[in-house]
Structures are given as C-alpha cells and as structure tokens.
Amino acid sequence: MTPDDWVTMAAGDVEPGDRLRLPSGTKMTVTRIESGFLGYEQLVCFIEDSETQWLAQAMSLTSEVEASRSP
C-alpha cells in the first residue's frame, strides 16, 4: 500500500501512524489513540499532536473510516 492509497476500514483497525480522511474532508495523521474514550468501551478517539496541527476525532470502534497506511 502506498501513502496515496485510501482504503475503508473499521475505526478499531486504525493504528498510530495511519493517515485518516475524516467525513469533513480533513486529513489527520494519528499519533495516538485513546480507547474507552469518555468511559465508553465502544468509543475511540484519534489524536494528531504535531508541530503543525492538534486535532482529535472521536468515533465508534465499528465506524468506517478512510485510511492510508505508510509501507
């Protein structure tokens, strides 16, 4: 898979380092993942914490997300 290949996967399959394209069209690189977000086991929060951007996106583990994974 190249960084330009976008695939649809379950949010529960996302790993740190994956690049996500959110439903809003915003792109983020996941630097960490908070599981059991807000005390809900089925909720996960993806966080990008970089010099250029801080962004967090919560979603259900079973939600579909577009992702690109570096080889």
Protein backbone atom coordinates (compact mmCIF):
# COMPACT_ATOMS: atom_id res chain seq x y z
CA MET A 1 0.00 0.00 0.00
CA THR A 2 1.34 3.44 -0.90
CA PRO A 3 0.52 6.61 1.08
CA ASP A 4 -1.79 7.65 -1.78
CA ASP A 5 -3.93 4.50 -1.45
CA TRP A 6 -7.05 5.14 0.62
CA VAL A 7 -8.95 2.15 1.97
CA THR A 8 -12.07 1.91 4.08
CA MET A 9 -11.58 0.16 7.39
CA ALA A 10 -13.21 -0.09 10.80
CA ALA A 11 -12.07 2.55 13.26
CA GLY A 12 -10.96 -0.27 15.55
CA ASP A 13 -8.32 -1.30 12.97
CA VAL A 14 -6.61 2.12 12.82
CA GLU A 15 -3.05 2.26 14.19
CA PRO A 16 -0.80 5.17 15.19
CA GLY A 17 0.91 6.48 12.06
CA ASP A 18 -2.13 5.93 9.85
CA ARG A 19 -3.38 8.92 7.88
CA LEU A 20 -7.17 9.42 8.07
CA ARG A 21 -9.54 11.32 5.83
CA LEU A 22 -12.43 12.38 8.07
CA PRO A 23 -16.03 12.76 6.83
CA SER A 24 -15.47 16.55 6.80
CA GLY A 25 -12.59 16.06 4.32
CA THR A 26 -9.99 17.00 6.91
CA LYS A 27 -6.90 14.78 6.90
CA MET A 28 -5.02 13.83 10.02
CA THR A 29 -2.10 11.61 10.98
CA VAL A 30 -2.89 9.57 14.07
CA THR A 31 -0.15 10.00 16.66
CA ARG A 32 -2.06 8.33 19.49
CA ILE A 33 -5.34 6.56 20.17
CA GLU A 34 -7.42 6.83 23.34
CA SER A 35 -9.50 3.67 23.81
CA GLY A 36 -12.56 3.60 26.02
CA PHE A 37 -13.00 7.32 25.37
CA LEU A 38 -15.22 9.15 27.90
CA GLY A 39 -15.73 5.84 29.70
CA TYR A 40 -17.42 4.14 26.73
CA GLU A 41 -15.67 0.94 25.68
CA GLN A 42 -17.04 1.22 22.11
CA LEU A 43 -15.71 4.78 21.65
CA VAL A 44 -12.21 5.61 20.45
CA CYS A 45 -10.53 8.99 19.98
CA PHE A 46 -7.85 9.54 17.33
CA ILE A 47 -5.39 12.31 18.14
CA GLU A 48 -2.87 14.13 16.00
CA ASP A 49 -0.40 16.08 18.08
CA SER A 50 2.25 17.55 15.80
CA GLU A 51 4.05 20.85 15.26
CA THR A 52 1.61 21.77 12.51
CA GLN A 53 -1.70 20.56 13.93
CA TRP A 54 -3.54 19.35 17.02
CA LEU A 55 -6.74 17.53 16.22
CA ALA A 56 -8.92 14.93 17.92
CA GLN A 57 -11.75 12.89 16.42
CA ALA A 58 -13.93 10.52 18.43
CA MET A 59 -15.93 7.72 16.81
CA SER A 60 -17.35 4.28 17.41
CA LEU A 61 -14.96 1.35 17.02
CA THR A 62 -17.24 -0.06 14.31
CA SER A 63 -17.45 3.17 12.29
CA GLU A 64 -15.91 3.10 8.83
CA VAL A 65 -13.05 5.49 8.14
CA GLU A 66 -10.88 6.16 5.10
CA ALA A 67 -7.24 5.46 5.90
CA SER A 68 -3.85 5.41 4.27
CA ARG A 69 -1.00 3.48 5.83
CA SER A 70 2.66 4.10 5.06
CA PRO A 71 4.53 0.99 3.99
